Amino acid sequence: MPGDNGKGAEEDVVIIGAGAAGIAAARRLQATRPDLSILLLEAGDRLGGRAWTVGLPASDIGLDLGCGWLHGARTNAWTAIAGEVGLTVDRTPAPWNGGRQLQRDGVDRHAAQEAIGTYFERLESHQGNDTDLAAMLEPGNPWNGQIRAIGTYITGAELERSSVIDYNRYDPGPGPDWRVREGYGRLVSLYGKPVPAKLGTEVTRIDHRHAGRIGIETNQGGLSARAVLLTVSTNVLAAGKIAFDPPLPDKIEAATRLPLGLANKLFLRLANQEALPADTHMLGSLSRGATGTYQLRPFGAPVVEAYFAGDLAHDLERQGREAAFSFAADELAAQFGADIRRELSVAHMSAWAAAPHIGGSYSYAEPGASDLRGLLAAPHDERIFFAGEACSRSRYSTAHGAYETGVAAADLIAGSLPQNP
């Protein structure tokens, strides 16, 4: 398979996966080691991975089907990059940073907030052996449904599956959380533009038996490299979609115990935008875990962003757009009246579980598995490197966590390869 730099099938560094980590690593290597030939291989048909923006007709607003918030925005590398590539960072407070929340009649907001706060304080003060997030619930608490919903949005999985220790290690950096008006996915893909990349190139096997070059088999033919960086999702690794020769069982085990949770978005067009308040957040149900969360008219646009996570997201993805629309319309109608249904129609919907080269949204750790993030991130034989959000001990599940692991891997690669003559 010819490379983009005239060296035929031989490259210095091959990066597998053109998401935030792969793009960050490639850009870092371009800046620090211009002597190296770099090729980015992406199985899908676009740059960005789990950062994916689609357009809203007649608008400059981007709809993010994947990551949407610049978490820890003041120190998030993507915040500065957005300015460099000419995109707009919107500093409107996020719902959890004091942004607009829908006020509901007859709801004891203070009692709910106290119960939720007490639960998360219990998590943060947990000492001793790891356990799952559900074990920290107070039996019979009337707000457990809402706590379950929030916990599921955080990890993409039901509370019973997720590690308390891993939750407590999460630290996105100093807030607040901001947005990219034109889309986070657009930001990541624009940053990747200067990198030599081949789309539609699915890696099937990595042959590292020999001390010299590493062989890489793809659906487009073979090539070789001095160093390989894998930034594919844990679900792709765990499923054995890329065979290693010899095998790397520790990596596969780590990936298996750091699976991807699921969070899907459904964007609804709003025929009469005055029917709903602008840039206002709403939780679908206050009593059950299987509920959506809704950003009404983000940026004031005539859309509703519905967000589903965990088992509910899996169920609605399998059932399809009509089922997801029906579920969201029911929850919105319960708050705004049945007439709201006539104002709504489907604009876009994500389906990350079925995405063939990804298989989910963001990683969580099973109880006892949090330390495996470090094992997953460790290089093998100083020739095969790993990066991606799941490799981040404290910023897993975020695009800037992925970015940071990509830069760290690039620096390790740069140190491992002698200068080309």
Protein backbone atom coordinates (compact mmCIF):
# COMPACT_ATOMS: atom_id res chain seq x y z
CA MET A 1 0.00 0.00 0.00
CA PRO A 2 1.71 3.24 -1.02
CA GLY A 3 2.32 5.82 1.67
CA ASP A 4 1.68 9.49 1.23
CA ASN A 5 5.36 10.38 1.32
CA GLY A 6 6.76 8.34 -1.56
CA LYS A 7 8.34 5.64 0.64
CA GLY A 8 5.99 2.94 -0.64
CA ALA A 9 4.81 0.56 2.05
CA GLU A 10 7.39 1.58 4.66
CA GLU A 11 6.71 4.22 7.32
CA ASP A 12 8.49 5.27 10.46
CA VAL A 13 5.32 5.53 12.54
CA VAL A 14 1.87 4.15 11.78
CA ILE A 15 -0.98 5.42 13.97
CA ILE A 16 -4.13 3.31 14.02
CA GLY A 17 -7.32 5.28 14.69
CA ALA A 18 -7.98 8.89 13.69
CA GLY A 19 -9.79 10.06 16.80
CA ALA A 20 -8.63 12.68 19.28
CA ALA A 21 -5.70 10.59 20.55
CA GLY A 22 -4.42 9.53 17.13
CA ILE A 23 -4.66 13.03 15.70
CA ALA A 24 -2.98 14.57 18.77
CA ALA A 25 -0.11 12.08 18.54
CA ALA A 26 0.37 12.69 14.83
CA ARG A 27 0.39 16.49 15.23
CA ARG A 28 2.85 16.24 18.13
CA LEU A 29 5.21 14.03 16.10
CA GLN A 30 4.96 16.36 13.11
CA ALA A 31 6.05 19.23 15.37
CA THR A 32 8.81 17.46 17.32
CA ARG A 33 10.16 14.92 14.81
CA PRO A 34 9.79 16.28 11.27
CA ASP A 35 12.36 13.68 10.19
CA LEU A 36 9.84 10.86 10.75
CA SER A 37 7.32 9.68 8.18
CA ILE A 38 3.90 9.32 9.79
CA LEU A 39 0.77 7.66 8.44
CA LEU A 40 -2.63 7.71 10.15
CA LEU A 41 -4.89 4.73 9.34
CA GLU A 42 -8.64 5.07 9.98
CA ALA A 43 -11.13 2.26 9.42
CA GLY A 44 -14.06 4.68 9.11
CA ASP A 45 -14.78 7.27 6.45
CA ARG A 46 -13.93 10.44 8.41
CA LEU A 47 -11.51 11.92 10.92
CA GLY A 48 -12.58 12.43 14.53
CA GLY A 49 -13.59 9.04 15.89
CA ARG A 50 -16.02 9.58 18.75
CA ALA A 51 -15.93 13.31 18.05
CA TRP A 52 -18.45 13.75 15.22
CA THR A 53 -20.31 16.91 14.22
CA VAL A 54 -23.20 17.06 11.79
CA GLY A 55 -24.64 20.29 10.45
CA LEU A 56 -27.91 22.02 11.20
CA PRO A 57 -29.30 23.43 7.93
CA ALA A 58 -29.40 27.23 7.65
CA SER A 59 -27.28 27.60 10.78
CA ASP A 60 -23.66 27.90 11.90
CA ILE A 61 -24.44 25.55 14.80
CA GLY A 62 -22.83 22.12 14.81
CA LEU A 63 -24.71 19.18 16.32
CA ASP A 64 -22.29 16.90 18.16
CA LEU A 65 -23.28 13.25 17.94
CA GLY A 66 -20.28 12.40 20.14
CA CYS A 67 -18.42 14.52 22.67
CA GLY A 68 -19.96 17.97 23.01
CA TRP A 69 -18.56 19.71 26.10
CA LEU A 70 -15.05 21.04 26.63
CA HIS A 71 -14.73 19.58 30.13
CA GLY A 72 -12.21 21.36 32.34
CA ALA A 73 -12.23 24.00 29.64
CA ARG A 74 -9.64 26.37 31.11
CA THR A 75 -6.87 23.76 30.86
CA ASN A 76 -8.40 21.60 28.12
CA ALA A 77 -5.98 21.59 25.17
CA TRP A 78 -8.86 21.69 22.69
CA THR A 79 -9.97 25.10 24.00
CA ALA A 80 -6.82 26.77 22.72
CA ILE A 81 -6.81 24.66 19.54
CA ALA A 82 -10.34 25.89 18.77
CA GLY A 83 -9.01 29.42 18.63
CA GLU A 84 -6.06 28.37 16.47
CA VAL A 85 -8.33 26.79 13.83
CA GLY A 86 -10.83 29.66 13.88
CA LEU A 87 -13.74 28.13 15.77
CA THR A 88 -15.83 29.78 18.48
CA VAL A 89 -15.74 28.69 22.12
CA ASP A 90 -19.11 29.44 23.72
CA ARG A 91 -18.75 30.18 27.43
CA THR A 92 -22.42 29.91 28.40
CA PRO A 93 -22.49 27.98 31.71
CA ALA A 94 -23.25 24.27 31.45
CA PRO A 95 -26.37 23.05 33.29
CA TRP A 96 -24.19 21.59 36.06
CA ASN A 97 -22.12 24.81 36.26
CA GLY A 98 -25.10 27.06 37.00
CA GLY A 99 -26.70 27.12 33.56
CA ARG A 100 -30.46 27.35 33.07
CA GLN A 101 -32.45 24.45 34.52
CA LEU A 102 -36.13 23.94 33.92
CA GLN A 103 -38.11 24.84 37.04
CA ARG A 104 -40.83 22.27 37.76
CA ASP A 105 -43.91 22.87 39.87
CA GLY A 106 -44.32 20.72 42.96
CA VAL A 107 -40.76 19.37 42.92
CA ASP A 108 -38.76 19.53 46.11
CA ARG A 109 -35.52 20.54 44.44
CA HIS A 110 -33.76 21.00 47.75
CA ALA A 111 -34.52 17.43 48.89
CA ALA A 112 -33.39 16.02 45.56
CA GLN A 113 -30.15 18.03 45.52
CA GLU A 114 -29.42 17.03 49.12
CA ALA A 115 -29.94 13.32 48.38
CA ILE A 116 -27.79 13.49 45.23
CA GLY A 117 -25.06 15.46 47.00
CA THR A 118 -25.03 13.03 49.93
CA TYR A 119 -24.67 10.06 47.55
CA PHE A 120 -21.70 11.56 45.73
CA GLU A 121 -20.11 12.54 49.05
CA ARG A 122 -20.40 8.87 50.09
CA LEU A 123 -18.64 7.86 46.88
CA GLU A 124 -15.83 10.36 47.43
CA SER A 125 -15.27 9.35 51.06
CA HIS A 126 -15.22 5.60 50.31
CA GLN A 127 -12.17 3.85 51.75
CA GLY A 128 -10.97 0.30 51.37
CA ASN A 129 -11.74 -2.27 48.72
CA ASP A 130 -13.29 -1.30 45.41
CA THR A 131 -16.99 -1.83 44.90
CA ASP A 132 -19.64 -0.80 42.42
CA LEU A 133 -21.50 2.50 42.38
CA ALA A 134 -24.85 0.85 43.22
CA ALA A 135 -23.46 -0.47 46.51
CA MET A 136 -23.25 3.13 47.72
CA LEU A 137 -26.97 3.83 47.29
CA GLU A 138 -29.05 4.32 50.43
CA PRO A 139 -31.76 1.61 50.29
CA GLY A 140 -35.23 3.04 49.92
CA ASN A 141 -34.12 6.61 49.25
CA PRO A 142 -36.92 8.18 47.14
CA TRP A 143 -34.34 9.94 44.92
CA ASN A 144 -32.42 6.78 43.97
CA GLY A 145 -33.98 6.81 40.50
CA GLN A 146 -32.58 10.26 39.79
CA ILE A 147 -29.21 9.27 41.27
CA ARG A 148 -29.16 6.21 38.99
CA ALA A 149 -29.91 8.38 35.96
CA ILE A 150 -27.07 10.79 36.74
CA GLY A 151 -24.61 7.97 37.44
CA THR A 152 -25.51 6.31 34.16
CA TYR A 153 -24.91 9.53 32.22
CA ILE A 154 -21.46 9.76 33.84
CA THR A 155 -20.27 6.21 33.02
CA GLY A 156 -22.57 5.12 30.19
CA ALA A 157 -23.42 1.98 32.17
CA GLU A 158 -25.68 0.96 35.06
CA LEU A 159 -24.28 1.64 38.53
CA GLU A 160 -23.80 -2.06 39.27
CA ARG A 161 -21.07 -2.31 36.60
CA SER A 162 -18.87 0.65 37.48
CA SER A 163 -15.95 1.04 39.90
CA VAL A 164 -16.09 3.49 42.82
CA ILE A 165 -12.28 3.85 42.85
CA ASP A 166 -12.24 4.69 39.14
CA TYR A 167 -15.03 7.25 39.64
CA ASN A 168 -13.01 8.90 42.40
CA ARG A 169 -9.92 9.14 40.19
CA TYR A 170 -11.80 11.13 37.54
CA ASP A 171 -10.56 14.71 37.37
CA PRO A 172 -11.17 16.66 34.16
CA GLY A 173 -9.20 19.66 35.41
CA PRO A 174 -10.39 23.12 36.44
CA GLY A 175 -13.89 23.91 35.16
CA PRO A 176 -16.13 25.25 33.89
CA ASP A 177 -17.33 23.25 30.88
CA TRP A 178 -17.78 25.14 27.61
CA ARG A 179 -18.90 24.28 24.07
CA VAL A 180 -17.61 24.76 20.55
CA ARG A 181 -20.32 26.54 18.63
CA GLU A 182 -19.42 24.90 15.31
CA GLY A 183 -18.96 21.51 16.99
CA TYR A 184 -16.35 19.59 18.97
CA GLY A 185 -16.19 16.97 16.22
CA ARG A 186 -15.47 19.65 13.66
CA LEU A 187 -12.67 20.95 15.89
CA VAL A 188 -10.99 17.53 16.15
CA SER A 189 -11.30 16.77 12.44
CA LEU A 190 -9.96 20.22 11.44
CA TYR A 191 -6.94 19.68 13.69
CA GLY A 192 -6.30 16.40 11.89
CA LYS A 193 -6.31 17.90 8.41
CA PRO A 194 -2.51 18.36 8.09
CA VAL A 195 -1.83 14.68 8.91
CA PRO A 196 -1.23 12.14 6.10
CA ALA A 197 -4.19 9.79 6.54
CA LYS A 198 -5.85 6.88 4.80
CA LEU A 199 -9.56 6.42 5.48
CA GLY A 200 -11.44 3.18 5.00
CA THR A 201 -8.33 1.27 6.05
CA GLU A 202 -9.10 -1.43 8.60
CA VAL A 203 -6.11 -2.98 10.37
CA THR A 204 -6.56 -6.72 10.91
CA ARG A 205 -3.16 -7.97 12.12
CA ILE A 206 0.05 -6.64 13.66
CA ASP A 207 3.10 -8.86 13.24
CA HIS A 208 5.82 -7.95 15.75
CA ARG A 209 7.72 -11.25 15.73
CA HIS A 210 10.86 -9.75 14.26
CA ALA A 211 13.28 -7.28 15.78
CA GLY A 212 13.22 -4.99 12.77
CA ARG A 213 10.07 -3.55 11.26
CA ILE A 214 6.53 -4.30 12.41
CA GLY A 215 4.20 -5.75 9.79
CA ILE A 216 0.68 -4.30 9.54
CA GLU A 217 -2.02 -6.08 7.56
CA THR A 218 -5.07 -4.12 6.42
CA ASN A 219 -8.05 -4.53 4.11
CA GLN A 220 -6.09 -2.32 1.67
CA GLY A 221 -2.89 -4.39 1.73
CA GLY A 222 0.20 -4.55 3.90
CA LEU A 223 2.75 -2.04 5.14
CA SER A 224 5.45 -1.86 7.77
CA ALA A 225 6.62 0.56 10.42
CA ARG A 226 9.37 1.10 12.96
CA ALA A 227 6.76 1.94 15.61
CA VAL A 228 2.99 1.48 15.82
CA LEU A 229 0.54 3.48 17.96
CA LEU A 230 -2.90 1.99 18.59
CA THR A 231 -5.64 4.42 19.59
CA VAL A 232 -8.63 2.18 18.85
CA SER A 233 -11.41 1.76 21.40
CA THR A 234 -11.28 -0.84 24.16
CA ASN A 235 -14.26 -2.63 22.62
CA VAL A 236 -12.38 -3.04 19.33
CA LEU A 237 -9.33 -4.45 21.17
CA ALA A 238 -11.43 -6.70 23.41
CA ALA A 239 -13.31 -8.14 20.42
CA GLY A 240 -10.03 -9.26 18.86
CA LYS A 241 -10.64 -7.28 15.67
CA ILE A 242 -6.90 -6.67 15.48
CA ALA A 243 -4.81 -9.83 15.88
CA PHE A 244 -1.36 -9.51 17.46
CA ASP A 245 1.42 -11.95 16.56
CA PRO A 246 2.65 -12.85 19.11
CA PRO A 247 -0.54 -12.20 21.16
CA LEU A 248 -0.77 -9.48 23.81
CA PRO A 249 -3.12 -11.10 26.37
CA ASP A 250 -2.53 -8.47 29.08
CA LYS A 251 -3.69 -5.71 26.74
CA ILE A 252 -6.80 -7.65 25.70
CA GLU A 253 -7.65 -8.39 29.35
CA ALA A 254 -7.26 -4.71 30.27
CA ALA A 255 -9.44 -3.63 27.36
CA THR A 256 -12.08 -6.22 28.31
CA ARG A 257 -12.32 -4.88 31.87
CA LEU A 258 -12.40 -1.24 30.67
CA PRO A 259 -15.38 -1.55 28.33
CA LEU A 260 -17.19 1.26 26.59
CA GLY A 261 -20.41 2.47 28.13
CA LEU A 262 -23.07 3.83 25.82
CA ALA A 263 -24.47 7.35 25.51
CA ASN A 264 -26.51 8.25 22.44
CA LYS A 265 -27.96 11.55 21.30
CA LEU A 266 -31.19 12.22 19.47
CA PHE A 267 -31.56 15.67 17.92
CA LEU A 268 -35.13 16.82 17.36
CA ARG A 269 -36.10 19.70 15.09
CA LEU A 270 -38.50 22.16 16.67
CA ALA A 271 -40.96 23.67 14.18
CA ASN A 272 -41.88 26.62 16.41
CA GLN A 273 -38.85 27.49 18.49
CA GLU A 274 -40.96 29.66 20.81
CA ALA A 275 -42.59 26.46 22.07
CA LEU A 276 -39.61 25.79 24.36
CA PRO A 277 -37.24 27.96 26.41
CA ALA A 278 -33.76 28.63 25.01
CA ASP A 279 -30.63 26.79 26.22
CA THR A 280 -32.40 25.19 29.17
CA HIS A 281 -31.73 21.78 30.67
CA MET A 282 -34.36 19.26 31.74
CA LEU A 283 -34.27 15.76 33.20
CA GLY A 284 -37.01 13.61 31.67
CA SER A 285 -38.18 11.79 34.79
CA LEU A 286 -37.31 12.62 38.37
CA SER A 287 -38.17 9.17 39.70
CA ARG A 288 -36.56 6.53 37.47
CA GLY A 289 -33.09 5.74 36.22
CA ALA A 290 -34.18 4.94 32.66
CA THR A 291 -34.78 8.50 31.52
CA GLY A 292 -33.40 11.00 29.05
CA THR A 293 -31.80 14.32 29.77
CA TYR A 294 -32.66 17.18 27.42
CA GLN A 295 -30.90 20.35 26.36
CA LEU A 296 -33.73 22.51 25.04
CA ARG A 297 -32.70 24.81 22.17
CA PRO A 298 -28.90 24.69 22.64
CA PHE A 299 -27.38 28.04 21.53
CA GLY A 300 -31.01 29.16 21.05
CA ALA A 301 -31.29 26.93 17.95
CA PRO A 302 -34.63 25.32 16.98
CA VAL A 303 -33.57 21.85 18.19
CA VAL A 304 -33.75 19.66 21.27
CA GLU A 305 -30.76 17.49 22.18
CA ALA A 306 -31.91 14.33 23.93
CA TYR A 307 -29.28 12.24 25.70
CA PHE A 308 -29.75 8.57 26.65
CA ALA A 309 -27.25 6.36 28.46
CA GLY A 310 -26.72 2.80 29.64
CA ASP A 311 -29.32 0.09 29.11
CA LEU A 312 -31.91 2.62 27.94
CA ALA A 313 -29.52 3.82 25.22
CA HIS A 314 -28.89 0.23 24.12
CA ASP A 315 -32.63 -0.50 23.99
CA LEU A 316 -33.50 2.63 22.00
CA GLU A 317 -30.57 2.17 19.61
CA ARG A 318 -31.70 -1.39 18.84
CA GLN A 319 -35.31 -0.29 18.37
CA GLY A 320 -34.37 2.62 16.12
CA ARG A 321 -35.27 6.25 15.51
CA GLU A 322 -39.05 5.91 15.85
CA ALA A 323 -38.76 4.31 19.28
CA ALA A 324 -36.27 6.93 20.44
CA PHE A 325 -38.49 9.72 19.10
CA SER A 326 -41.52 8.25 20.84
CA PHE A 327 -39.67 7.96 24.16
CA ALA A 328 -38.35 11.53 24.00
CA ALA A 329 -41.69 12.95 22.85
CA ASP A 330 -43.45 11.24 25.77
CA GLU A 331 -41.04 12.75 28.28
CA LEU A 332 -41.29 16.22 26.74
CA ALA A 333 -45.09 15.98 26.51
CA ALA A 334 -45.29 15.10 30.20
CA GLN A 335 -43.73 18.49 30.94
CA PHE A 336 -44.99 20.73 28.12
CA GLY A 337 -48.29 19.10 27.12
CA ALA A 338 -49.30 16.79 24.28
CA ASP A 339 -49.22 19.57 21.66
CA ILE A 340 -45.42 19.65 21.79
CA ARG A 341 -45.33 16.37 19.80
CA ARG A 342 -46.59 18.16 16.69
CA GLU A 343 -43.65 20.57 16.86
CA LEU A 344 -40.99 17.82 16.88
CA SER A 345 -39.32 15.73 14.18
CA VAL A 346 -36.09 13.72 14.05
CA ALA A 347 -33.01 15.57 12.76
CA HIS A 348 -30.18 13.17 13.68
CA MET A 349 -29.51 10.24 15.99
CA SER A 350 -26.26 8.56 17.02
CA ALA A 351 -25.86 4.79 17.29
CA TRP A 352 -22.45 4.29 18.88
CA ALA A 353 -22.92 0.68 19.98
CA ALA A 354 -23.40 -0.36 16.36
CA ALA A 355 -20.54 1.80 15.03
CA PRO A 356 -18.44 -0.99 13.49
CA HIS A 357 -14.99 0.36 14.30
CA ILE A 358 -15.86 1.85 17.71
CA GLY A 359 -18.62 -0.07 19.48
CA GLY A 360 -19.65 2.36 22.21
CA SER A 361 -19.12 5.81 23.71
CA TYR A 362 -16.56 6.10 26.51
CA SER A 363 -14.82 3.70 28.86
CA TYR A 364 -15.66 2.82 32.42
CA ALA A 365 -13.80 0.47 34.76
CA GLU A 366 -15.37 -2.63 36.20
CA PRO A 367 -14.87 -2.89 39.98
CA GLY A 368 -11.22 -3.75 40.60
CA ALA A 369 -10.09 -2.70 37.11
CA SER A 370 -9.16 0.97 37.49
CA ASP A 371 -5.40 0.27 37.63
CA LEU A 372 -5.66 -1.48 34.26
CA ARG A 373 -5.79 1.95 32.61
CA GLY A 374 -2.07 2.25 33.31
CA LEU A 375 -1.43 -1.27 32.05
CA LEU A 376 -3.32 -0.51 28.83
CA ALA A 377 -1.31 2.68 28.29
CA ALA A 378 2.12 1.08 28.81
CA PRO A 379 4.20 0.53 25.64
CA HIS A 380 5.03 -3.02 24.59
CA ASP A 381 8.67 -3.67 23.73
CA GLU A 382 9.17 0.07 23.07
CA ARG A 383 7.71 -0.49 19.61
CA ILE A 384 3.95 -0.88 20.08
CA PHE A 385 2.32 2.05 21.86
CA PHE A 386 -1.21 2.72 23.11
CA ALA A 387 -3.28 5.86 23.62
CA GLY A 388 -6.91 6.91 23.91
CA GLU A 389 -9.32 8.09 26.59
CA ALA A 390 -9.33 4.66 28.29
CA CYS A 391 -5.57 5.01 28.86
CA SER A 392 -6.06 8.16 30.97
CA ARG A 393 -6.12 7.54 34.71
CA SER A 394 -8.02 10.71 35.57
CA ARG A 395 -9.43 12.11 32.31
CA TYR A 396 -10.87 8.96 30.81
CA SER A 397 -14.11 9.42 28.87
CA THR A 398 -13.03 12.86 27.57
CA ALA A 399 -11.55 14.13 24.32
CA HIS A 400 -8.87 16.07 26.17
CA GLY A 401 -7.93 12.95 28.13
CA ALA A 402 -7.52 11.24 24.75
CA TYR A 403 -5.47 14.20 23.51
CA GLU A 404 -3.12 14.05 26.49
CA THR A 405 -2.50 10.31 26.09
CA GLY A 406 -1.81 10.84 22.39
CA VAL A 407 0.80 13.52 23.14
CA ALA A 408 2.39 11.35 25.84
CA ALA A 409 2.61 8.39 23.46
CA ALA A 410 4.08 10.60 20.73
CA ASP A 411 6.81 11.75 23.12
CA LEU A 412 7.62 8.13 24.01
CA ILE A 413 7.79 7.23 20.32
CA ALA A 414 10.03 10.20 19.59
CA GLY A 415 12.39 9.08 22.34
CA SER A 416 12.46 5.48 21.13
CA LEU A 417 13.34 6.16 17.50
CA PRO A 418 16.82 7.41 16.64
CA GLN A 419 17.04 10.39 14.31
CA ASN A 420 16.90 9.51 10.63
CA PRO A 421 20.19 10.31 8.89
